[in-house]
Amino acid sequence: NIKLEKGLYTTSKGFTKSLEELDPSENYIGTELEG
């Protein structure tokens, strides 16, 4: 359900880190998406 937009590339953090803030990997520990 994450809204992907070009603005994620313009932040000082970069695309992946900005995306991680919206969808933290720690929420998937113990699931099939872990890793």
PDB file of all heavy atoms in Angstrom:
ATOM      1  N   ASN A   1       0.817  -1.213   0.000  1.00  0.00           N
ATOM      2  CA  ASN A   1       0.000   0.000   0.000  1.00  0.00           C
ATOM      3  C   ASN A   1       0.853   1.268   0.000  1.00  0.00           C
ATOM      4  O   ASN A   1       0.323   2.376   0.100  1.00  0.00           O
ATOM      5  CB  ASN A   1      -0.919   0.029   1.235  1.00  0.00           C
ATOM      6  CG  ASN A   1      -2.008  -1.030   1.158  1.00  0.00           C
ATOM      7  OD1 ASN A   1      -2.544  -1.291   0.077  1.00  0.00           O
ATOM      8  ND2 ASN A   1      -2.308  -1.661   2.282  1.00  0.00           N
ATOM      9  N   ILE A   2       2.161   1.108  -0.116  1.00  0.00           N
ATOM     10  CA  ILE A   2       3.062   2.259  -0.130  1.00  0.00           C
ATOM     11  C   ILE A   2       2.851   3.059  -1.416  1.00  0.00           C
ATOM     12  O   ILE A   2       2.777   2.499  -2.510  1.00  0.00           O
ATOM     13  CB  ILE A   2       4.536   1.802  -0.036  1.00  0.00           C
ATOM     14  CG1 ILE A   2       4.793   1.092   1.290  1.00  0.00           C
ATOM     15  CG2 ILE A   2       5.487   2.977  -0.206  1.00  0.00           C
ATOM     16  CD1 ILE A   2       4.706   1.987   2.492  1.00  0.00           C
ATOM     17  N   LYS A   3       2.781   4.374  -1.261  1.00  0.00           N
ATOM     18  CA  LYS A   3       2.662   5.245  -2.427  1.00  0.00           C
ATOM     19  C   LYS A   3       4.050   5.572  -2.960  1.00  0.00           C
ATOM     20  O   LYS A   3       4.851   6.240  -2.311  1.00  0.00           O
ATOM     21  CB  LYS A   3       1.928   6.536  -2.065  1.00  0.00           C
ATOM     22  CG  LYS A   3       1.729   7.473  -3.262  1.00  0.00           C
ATOM     23  CD  LYS A   3       1.022   8.755  -2.846  1.00  0.00           C
ATOM     24  CE  LYS A   3       0.833   9.683  -4.046  1.00  0.00           C
ATOM     25  NZ  LYS A   3       0.167  10.950  -3.659  1.00  0.00           N
ATOM     26  N   LEU A   4       4.357   5.070  -4.134  1.00  0.00           N
ATOM     27  CA  LEU A   4       5.655   5.320  -4.749  1.00  0.00           C
ATOM     28  C   LEU A   4       5.587   6.584  -5.603  1.00  0.00           C
ATOM     29  O   LEU A   4       4.694   6.728  -6.435  1.00  0.00           O
ATOM     30  CB  LEU A   4       6.072   4.134  -5.620  1.00  0.00           C
ATOM     31  CG  LEU A   4       6.250   2.792  -4.901  1.00  0.00           C
ATOM     32  CD1 LEU A   4       6.615   1.704  -5.903  1.00  0.00           C
ATOM     33  CD2 LEU A   4       7.316   2.898  -3.819  1.00  0.00           C
ATOM     34  N   GLU A   5       6.539   7.479  -5.401  1.00  0.00           N
ATOM     35  CA  GLU A   5       6.576   8.721  -6.168  1.00  0.00           C
ATOM     36  C   GLU A   5       8.019   9.173  -6.335  1.00  0.00           C
ATOM     37  O   GLU A   5       8.911   8.774  -5.579  1.00  0.00           O
ATOM     38  CB  GLU A   5       5.761   9.803  -5.467  1.00  0.00           C
ATOM     39  CG  GLU A   5       6.162  10.041  -4.026  1.00  0.00           C
ATOM     40  CD  GLU A   5       5.225  11.008  -3.325  1.00  0.00           C
ATOM     41  OE1 GLU A   5       4.284  11.473  -3.974  1.00  0.00           O
ATOM     42  OE2 GLU A   5       5.464  11.295  -2.151  1.00  0.00           O
ATOM     43  N   LYS A   6       8.231  10.046  -7.316  1.00  0.00           N
ATOM     44  CA  LYS A   6       9.583  10.509  -7.627  1.00  0.00           C
ATOM     45  C   LYS A   6      10.207  11.279  -6.474  1.00  0.00           C
ATOM     46  O   LYS A   6      11.436  11.354  -6.354  1.00  0.00           O
ATOM     47  CB  LYS A   6       9.567  11.368  -8.890  1.00  0.00           C
ATOM     48  CG  LYS A   6       9.279  10.584 -10.146  1.00  0.00           C
ATOM     49  CD  LYS A   6       9.465  11.426 -11.387  1.00  0.00           C
ATOM     50  CE  LYS A   6       8.369  12.477 -11.513  1.00  0.00           C
ATOM     51  NZ  LYS A   6       8.490  13.232 -12.777  1.00  0.00           N
ATOM     52  N   GLY A   7       9.389  11.859  -5.620  1.00  0.00           N
ATOM     53  CA  GLY A   7       9.897  12.642  -4.502  1.00  0.00           C
ATOM     54  C   GLY A   7      10.769  11.837  -3.557  1.00  0.00           C
ATOM     55  O   GLY A   7      11.587  12.408  -2.819  1.00  0.00           O
ATOM     56  N   LEU A   8      10.639  10.517  -3.562  1.00  0.00           N
ATOM     57  CA  LEU A   8      11.471   9.678  -2.703  1.00  0.00           C
ATOM     58  C   LEU A   8      12.945   9.733  -3.110  1.00  0.00           C
ATOM     59  O   LEU A   8      13.824   9.446  -2.301  1.00  0.00           O
ATOM     60  CB  LEU A   8      10.974   8.226  -2.748  1.00  0.00           C
ATOM     61  CG  LEU A   8       9.597   7.952  -2.125  1.00  0.00           C
ATOM     62  CD1 LEU A   8       9.143   6.533  -2.425  1.00  0.00           C
ATOM     63  CD2 LEU A   8       9.637   8.191  -0.617  1.00  0.00           C
ATOM     64  N   TYR A   9      13.200  10.115  -4.371  1.00  0.00           N
ATOM     65  CA  TYR A   9      14.586  10.214  -4.834  1.00  0.00           C
ATOM     66  C   TYR A   9      15.232  11.538  -4.448  1.00  0.00           C
ATOM     67  O   TYR A   9      16.458  11.651  -4.462  1.00  0.00           O
ATOM     68  CB  TYR A   9      14.641  10.071  -6.361  1.00  0.00           C
ATOM     69  CG  TYR A   9      14.431   8.654  -6.856  1.00  0.00           C
ATOM     70  CD1 TYR A   9      13.193   8.250  -7.341  1.00  0.00           C
ATOM     71  CD2 TYR A   9      15.467   7.728  -6.849  1.00  0.00           C
ATOM     72  CE1 TYR A   9      12.993   6.952  -7.806  1.00  0.00           C
ATOM     73  CE2 TYR A   9      15.277   6.437  -7.306  1.00  0.00           C
ATOM     74  CZ  TYR A   9      14.036   6.051  -7.791  1.00  0.00           C
ATOM     75  OH  TYR A   9      13.844   4.773  -8.237  1.00  0.00           O
ATOM     76  N   THR A  10      14.454  12.538  -4.150  1.00  0.00           N
ATOM     77  CA  THR A  10      14.988  13.880  -3.931  1.00  0.00           C
ATOM     78  C   THR A  10      15.387  14.146  -2.483  1.00  0.00           C
ATOM     79  O   THR A  10      15.961  15.188  -2.180  1.00  0.00           O
ATOM     80  CB  THR A  10      13.966  14.949  -4.363  1.00  0.00           C
ATOM     81  OG1 THR A  10      12.765  14.815  -3.582  1.00  0.00           O
ATOM     82  CG2 THR A  10      13.624  14.792  -5.834  1.00  0.00           C
ATOM     83  N   THR A  11      15.077  13.251  -1.575  1.00  0.00           N
ATOM     84  CA  THR A  11      15.439  13.461  -0.176  1.00  0.00           C
ATOM     85  C   THR A  11      16.939  13.231   0.012  1.00  0.00           C
ATOM     86  O   THR A  11      17.589  12.549  -0.788  1.00  0.00           O
ATOM     87  CB  THR A  11      14.672  12.505   0.751  1.00  0.00           C
ATOM     88  OG1 THR A  11      15.106  11.166   0.508  1.00  0.00           O
ATOM     89  CG2 THR A  11      13.177  12.604   0.500  1.00  0.00           C
ATOM     90  N   SER A  12      17.492  13.792   1.065  1.00  0.00           N
ATOM     91  CA  SER A  12      18.919  13.630   1.347  1.00  0.00           C
ATOM     92  C   SER A  12      19.265  12.188   1.694  1.00  0.00           C
ATOM     93  O   SER A  12      20.415  11.767   1.568  1.00  0.00           O
ATOM     94  CB  SER A  12      19.339  14.556   2.495  1.00  0.00           C
ATOM     95  OG  SER A  12      18.605  14.256   3.676  1.00  0.00           O
ATOM     96  N   LYS A  13      18.277  11.422   2.108  1.00  0.00           N
ATOM     97  CA  LYS A  13      18.518  10.027   2.506  1.00  0.00           C
ATOM     98  C   LYS A  13      18.661   9.097   1.308  1.00  0.00           C
ATOM     99  O   LYS A  13      19.267   8.037   1.397  1.00  0.00           O
ATOM    100  CB  LYS A  13      17.380   9.523   3.395  1.00  0.00           C
ATOM    101  CG  LYS A  13      17.146  10.324   4.662  1.00  0.00           C
ATOM    102  CD  LYS A  13      16.008   9.736   5.466  1.00  0.00           C
ATOM    103  CE  LYS A  13      15.694  10.577   6.691  1.00  0.00           C
ATOM    104  NZ  LYS A  13      15.144  11.896   6.335  1.00  0.00           N
ATOM    105  N   GLY A  14      18.074   9.469   0.172  1.00  0.00           N
ATOM    106  CA  GLY A  14      18.063   8.580  -0.965  1.00  0.00           C
ATOM    107  C   GLY A  14      16.797   7.733  -0.997  1.00  0.00           C
ATOM    108  O   GLY A  14      16.018   7.698  -0.044  1.00  0.00           O
ATOM    109  N   PHE A  15      16.589   7.034  -2.100  1.00  0.00           N
ATOM    110  CA  PHE A  15      15.339   6.321  -2.343  1.00  0.00           C
ATOM    111  C   PHE A  15      15.095   5.201  -1.342  1.00  0.00           C
ATOM    112  O   PHE A  15      14.048   5.142  -0.695  1.00  0.00           O
ATOM    113  CB  PHE A  15      15.337   5.754  -3.765  1.00  0.00           C
ATOM    114  CG  PHE A  15      14.048   5.071  -4.132  1.00  0.00           C
ATOM    115  CD1 PHE A  15      12.947   5.806  -4.547  1.00  0.00           C
ATOM    116  CD2 PHE A  15      13.928   3.695  -4.062  1.00  0.00           C
ATOM    117  CE1 PHE A  15      11.753   5.180  -4.886  1.00  0.00           C
ATOM    118  CE2 PHE A  15      12.745   3.059  -4.395  1.00  0.00           C
ATOM    119  CZ  PHE A  15      11.649   3.814  -4.808  1.00  0.00           C
ATOM    120  N   THR A  16      16.056   4.299  -1.177  1.00  0.00           N
ATOM    121  CA  THR A  16      15.832   3.131  -0.321  1.00  0.00           C
ATOM    122  C   THR A  16      15.625   3.515   1.134  1.00  0.00           C
ATOM    123  O   THR A  16      14.724   2.981   1.803  1.00  0.00           O
ATOM    124  CB  THR A  16      17.001   2.138  -0.439  1.00  0.00           C
ATOM    125  OG1 THR A  16      17.055   1.630  -1.785  1.00  0.00           O
ATOM    126  CG2 THR A  16      16.831   0.970   0.515  1.00  0.00           C
ATOM    127  N   LYS A  17      16.447   4.421   1.660  1.00  0.00           N
ATOM    128  CA  LYS A  17      16.297   4.822   3.059  1.00  0.00           C
ATOM    129  C   LYS A  17      14.970   5.538   3.291  1.00  0.00           C
ATOM    130  O   LYS A  17      14.334   5.368   4.346  1.00  0.00           O
ATOM    131  CB  LYS A  17      17.471   5.709   3.480  1.00  0.00           C
ATOM    132  CG  LYS A  17      18.774   4.943   3.605  1.00  0.00           C
ATOM    133  CD  LYS A  17      19.897   5.833   4.115  1.00  0.00           C
ATOM    134  CE  LYS A  17      21.192   5.047   4.257  1.00  0.00           C
ATOM    135  NZ  LYS A  17      22.314   5.903   4.723  1.00  0.00           N
ATOM    136  N   SER A  18      14.546   6.341   2.321  1.00  0.00           N
ATOM    137  CA  SER A  18      13.243   7.000   2.439  1.00  0.00           C
ATOM    138  C   SER A  18      12.117   5.968   2.427  1.00  0.00           C
ATOM    139  O   SER A  18      11.136   6.082   3.160  1.00  0.00           O
ATOM    140  CB  SER A  18      13.051   8.005   1.304  1.00  0.00           C
ATOM    141  OG  SER A  18      14.019   9.019   1.356  1.00  0.00           O
ATOM    142  N   LEU A  19      12.299   4.958   1.595  1.00  0.00           N
ATOM    143  CA  LEU A  19      11.309   3.893   1.511  1.00  0.00           C
ATOM    144  C   LEU A  19      11.290   3.077   2.801  1.00  0.00           C
ATOM    145  O   LEU A  19      10.219   2.651   3.265  1.00  0.00           O
ATOM    146  CB  LEU A  19      11.627   3.001   0.317  1.00  0.00           C
ATOM    147  CG  LEU A  19      10.507   2.100  -0.230  1.00  0.00           C
ATOM    148  CD1 LEU A  19       9.299   2.926  -0.647  1.00  0.00           C
ATOM    149  CD2 LEU A  19      11.022   1.286  -1.412  1.00  0.00           C
ATOM    150  N   GLU A  20      12.460   2.869   3.391  1.00  0.00           N
ATOM    151  CA  GLU A  20      12.544   2.130   4.657  1.00  0.00           C
ATOM    152  C   GLU A  20      11.808   2.853   5.782  1.00  0.00           C
ATOM    153  O   GLU A  20      11.242   2.205   6.671  1.00  0.00           O
ATOM    154  CB  GLU A  20      14.002   1.923   5.052  1.00  0.00           C
ATOM    155  CG  GLU A  20      14.705   0.781   4.343  1.00  0.00           C
ATOM    156  CD  GLU A  20      14.293  -0.596   4.857  1.00  0.00           C
ATOM    157  OE1 GLU A  20      13.654  -0.670   5.933  1.00  0.00           O
ATOM    158  OE2 GLU A  20      14.612  -1.592   4.182  1.00  0.00           O
ATOM    159  N   GLU A  21      11.798   4.169   5.765  1.00  0.00           N
ATOM    160  CA  GLU A  21      11.080   4.913   6.794  1.00  0.00           C
ATOM    161  C   GLU A  21       9.577   4.698   6.673  1.00  0.00           C
ATOM    162  O   GLU A  21       8.861   4.681   7.677  1.00  0.00           O
ATOM    163  CB  GLU A  21      11.416   6.402   6.692  1.00  0.00           C
ATOM    164  CG  GLU A  21      12.839   6.728   7.110  1.00  0.00           C
ATOM    165  CD  GLU A  21      13.102   8.222   7.129  1.00  0.00           C
ATOM    166  OE1 GLU A  21      12.214   8.989   6.657  1.00  0.00           O
ATOM    167  OE2 GLU A  21      14.171   8.628   7.610  1.00  0.00           O
ATOM    168  N   LEU A  22       9.105   4.534   5.442  1.00  0.00           N
ATOM    169  CA  LEU A  22       7.682   4.273   5.231  1.00  0.00           C
ATOM    170  C   LEU A  22       7.324   2.816   5.497  1.00  0.00           C
ATOM    171  O   LEU A  22       6.195   2.509   5.894  1.00  0.00           O
ATOM    172  CB  LEU A  22       7.304   4.638   3.784  1.00  0.00           C
ATOM    173  CG  LEU A  22       7.467   6.104   3.372  1.00  0.00           C
ATOM    174  CD1 LEU A  22       7.175   6.261   1.885  1.00  0.00           C
ATOM    175  CD2 LEU A  22       6.541   7.003   4.187  1.00  0.00           C
ATOM    176  N   ASP A  23       8.290   1.947   5.291  1.00  0.00           N
ATOM    177  CA  ASP A  23       8.037   0.506   5.403  1.00  0.00           C
ATOM    178  C   ASP A  23       9.234  -0.166   6.072  1.00  0.00           C
ATOM    179  O   ASP A  23      10.028  -0.827   5.414  1.00  0.00           O
ATOM    180  CB  ASP A  23       7.806  -0.068   3.991  1.00  0.00           C
ATOM    181  CG  ASP A  23       7.487  -1.548   4.014  1.00  0.00           C
ATOM    182  OD1 ASP A  23       6.825  -2.000   4.976  1.00  0.00           O
ATOM    183  OD2 ASP A  23       7.919  -2.260   3.073  1.00  0.00           O
ATOM    184  N   PRO A  24       9.398  -0.033   7.393  1.00  0.00           N
ATOM    185  CA  PRO A  24      10.578  -0.553   8.103  1.00  0.00           C
ATOM    186  C   PRO A  24      10.712  -2.069   7.987  1.00  0.00           C
ATOM    187  O   PRO A  24       9.737  -2.813   8.143  1.00  0.00           O
ATOM    188  CB  PRO A  24      10.321  -0.137   9.557  1.00  0.00           C
ATOM    189  CG  PRO A  24       9.330   0.979   9.482  1.00  0.00           C
ATOM    190  CD  PRO A  24       8.464   0.664   8.302  1.00  0.00           C
ATOM    191  N   SER A  25      11.929  -2.518   7.739  1.00  0.00           N
ATOM    192  CA  SER A  25      12.190  -3.955   7.604  1.00  0.00           C
ATOM    193  C   SER A  25      11.975  -4.701   8.912  1.00  0.00           C
ATOM    194  O   SER A  25      11.678  -5.898   8.909  1.00  0.00           O
ATOM    195  CB  SER A  25      13.625  -4.172   7.113  1.00  0.00           C
ATOM    196  OG  SER A  25      13.778  -3.714   5.787  1.00  0.00           O
ATOM    197  N   GLU A  26      12.120  -4.004  10.029  1.00  0.00           N
ATOM    198  CA  GLU A  26      11.943  -4.663  11.325  1.00  0.00           C
ATOM    199  C   GLU A  26      10.525  -5.175  11.517  1.00  0.00           C
ATOM    200  O   GLU A  26      10.279  -6.068  12.337  1.00  0.00           O
ATOM    201  CB  GLU A  26      12.297  -3.697  12.452  1.00  0.00           C
ATOM    202  CG  GLU A  26      11.438  -2.456  12.495  1.00  0.00           C
ATOM    203  CD  GLU A  26      11.930  -1.440  13.519  1.00  0.00           C
ATOM    204  OE1 GLU A  26      13.136  -1.427  13.818  1.00  0.00           O
ATOM    205  OE2 GLU A  26      11.089  -0.655  13.996  1.00  0.00           O
ATOM    206  N   ASN A  27       9.566  -4.649  10.760  1.00  0.00           N
ATOM    207  CA  ASN A  27       8.176  -5.109  10.866  1.00  0.00           C
ATOM    208  C   ASN A  27       7.973  -6.490  10.267  1.00  0.00           C
ATOM    209  O   ASN A  27       6.904  -7.091  10.440  1.00  0.00           O
ATOM    210  CB  ASN A  27       7.227  -4.119  10.179  1.00  0.00           C
ATOM    211  CG  ASN A  27       7.179  -2.772  10.873  1.00  0.00           C
ATOM    212  OD1 ASN A  27       7.578  -2.655  12.038  1.00  0.00           O
ATOM    213  ND2 ASN A  27       6.708  -1.750  10.176  1.00  0.00           N
ATOM    214  N   TYR A  28       8.994  -6.994   9.547  1.00  0.00           N
ATOM    215  CA  TYR A  28       8.827  -8.262   8.830  1.00  0.00           C
ATOM    216  C   TYR A  28       9.651  -9.387   9.442  1.00  0.00           C
ATOM    217  O   TYR A  28       9.757 -10.459   8.847  1.00  0.00           O
ATOM    218  CB  TYR A  28       9.197  -8.063   7.353  1.00  0.00           C
ATOM    219  CG  TYR A  28       8.291  -7.076   6.656  1.00  0.00           C
ATOM    220  CD1 TYR A  28       8.610  -5.722   6.649  1.00  0.00           C
ATOM    221  CD2 TYR A  28       7.104  -7.483   6.052  1.00  0.00           C
ATOM    222  CE1 TYR A  28       7.779  -4.802   6.034  1.00  0.00           C
ATOM    223  CE2 TYR A  28       6.271  -6.570   5.434  1.00  0.00           C
ATOM    224  CZ  TYR A  28       6.604  -5.227   5.430  1.00  0.00           C
ATOM    225  OH  TYR A  28       5.774  -4.310   4.822  1.00  0.00           O
ATOM    226  N   ILE A  29      10.238  -9.125  10.617  1.00  0.00           N
ATOM    227  CA  ILE A  29      10.995 -10.169  11.297  1.00  0.00           C
ATOM    228  C   ILE A  29      10.056 -11.328  11.658  1.00  0.00           C
ATOM    229  O   ILE A  29       8.979 -11.127  12.217  1.00  0.00           O
ATOM    230  CB  ILE A  29      11.664  -9.612  12.565  1.00  0.00           C
ATOM    231  CG1 ILE A  29      12.700  -8.547  12.191  1.00  0.00           C
ATOM    232  CG2 ILE A  29      12.324 -10.734  13.368  1.00  0.00           C
ATOM    233  CD1 ILE A  29      13.344  -7.879  13.372  1.00  0.00           C
ATOM    234  N   GLY A  30      10.453 -12.526  11.300  1.00  0.00           N
ATOM    235  CA  GLY A  30       9.634 -13.698  11.567  1.00  0.00           C
ATOM    236  C   GLY A  30       8.624 -14.018  10.493  1.00  0.00           C
ATOM    237  O   GLY A  30       7.864 -14.983  10.624  1.00  0.00           O
ATOM    238  N   THR A  31       8.603 -13.228   9.398  1.00  0.00           N
ATOM    239  CA  THR A  31       7.688 -13.490   8.283  1.00  0.00           C
ATOM    240  C   THR A  31       8.481 -13.997   7.087  1.00  0.00           C
ATOM    241  O   THR A  31       9.717 -14.026   7.088  1.00  0.00           O
ATOM    242  CB  THR A  31       6.920 -12.213   7.888  1.00  0.00           C
ATOM    243  OG1 THR A  31       7.824 -11.307   7.230  1.00  0.00           O
ATOM    244  CG2 THR A  31       6.336 -11.540   9.127  1.00  0.00           C
ATOM    245  N   GLU A  32       7.786 -14.371   6.042  1.00  0.00           N
ATOM    246  CA  GLU A  32       8.447 -14.871   4.834  1.00  0.00           C
ATOM    247  C   GLU A  32       9.216 -13.760   4.106  1.00  0.00           C
ATOM    248  O   GLU A  32      10.037 -14.040   3.224  1.00  0.00           O
ATOM    249  CB  GLU A  32       7.420 -15.489   3.886  1.00  0.00           C
ATOM    250  CG  GLU A  32       6.371 -14.507   3.383  1.00  0.00           C
ATOM    251  CD  GLU A  32       5.400 -15.127   2.414  1.00  0.00           C
ATOM    252  OE1 GLU A  32       5.459 -16.361   2.242  1.00  0.00           O
ATOM    253  OE2 GLU A  32       4.592 -14.386   1.829  1.00  0.00           O
ATOM    254  N   LEU A  33       8.965 -12.499   4.471  1.00  0.00           N
ATOM    255  CA  LEU A  33       9.639 -11.363   3.833  1.00  0.00           C
ATOM    256  C   LEU A  33      10.869 -10.906   4.620  1.00  0.00           C
ATOM    257  O   LEU A  33      11.509  -9.924   4.240  1.00  0.00           O
ATOM    258  CB  LEU A  33       8.670 -10.190   3.670  1.00  0.00           C
ATOM    259  CG  LEU A  33       7.445 -10.462   2.786  1.00  0.00           C
ATOM    260  CD1 LEU A  33       6.537  -9.246   2.747  1.00  0.00           C
ATOM    261  CD2 LEU A  33       7.875 -10.854   1.378  1.00  0.00           C
ATOM    262  N   GLU A  34      11.183 -11.600   5.705  1.00  0.00           N
ATOM    263  CA  GLU A  34      12.368 -11.244   6.471  1.00  0.00           C
ATOM    264  C   GLU A  34      13.614 -11.417   5.604  1.00  0.00           C
ATOM    265  O   GLU A  34      13.739 -12.383   4.862  1.00  0.00           O
ATOM    266  CB  GLU A  34      12.491 -12.128   7.718  1.00  0.00           C
ATOM    267  CG  GLU A  34      13.675 -11.783   8.602  1.00  0.00           C
ATOM    268  CD  GLU A  34      13.741 -12.636   9.860  1.00  0.00           C
ATOM    269  OE1 GLU A  34      12.862 -13.512  10.028  1.00  0.00           O
ATOM    270  OE2 GLU A  34      14.668 -12.434  10.664  1.00  0.00           O
ATOM    271  N   GLY A  35      14.521 -10.479   5.689  1.00  0.00           N
ATOM    272  CA  GLY A  35      15.739 -10.522   4.886  1.00  0.00           C
ATOM    273  C   GLY A  35      15.673  -9.655   3.649  1.00  0.00           C
ATOM    274  O   GLY A  35      16.704  -9.398   3.018  1.00  0.00           O
TER     275      GLY A  35
END
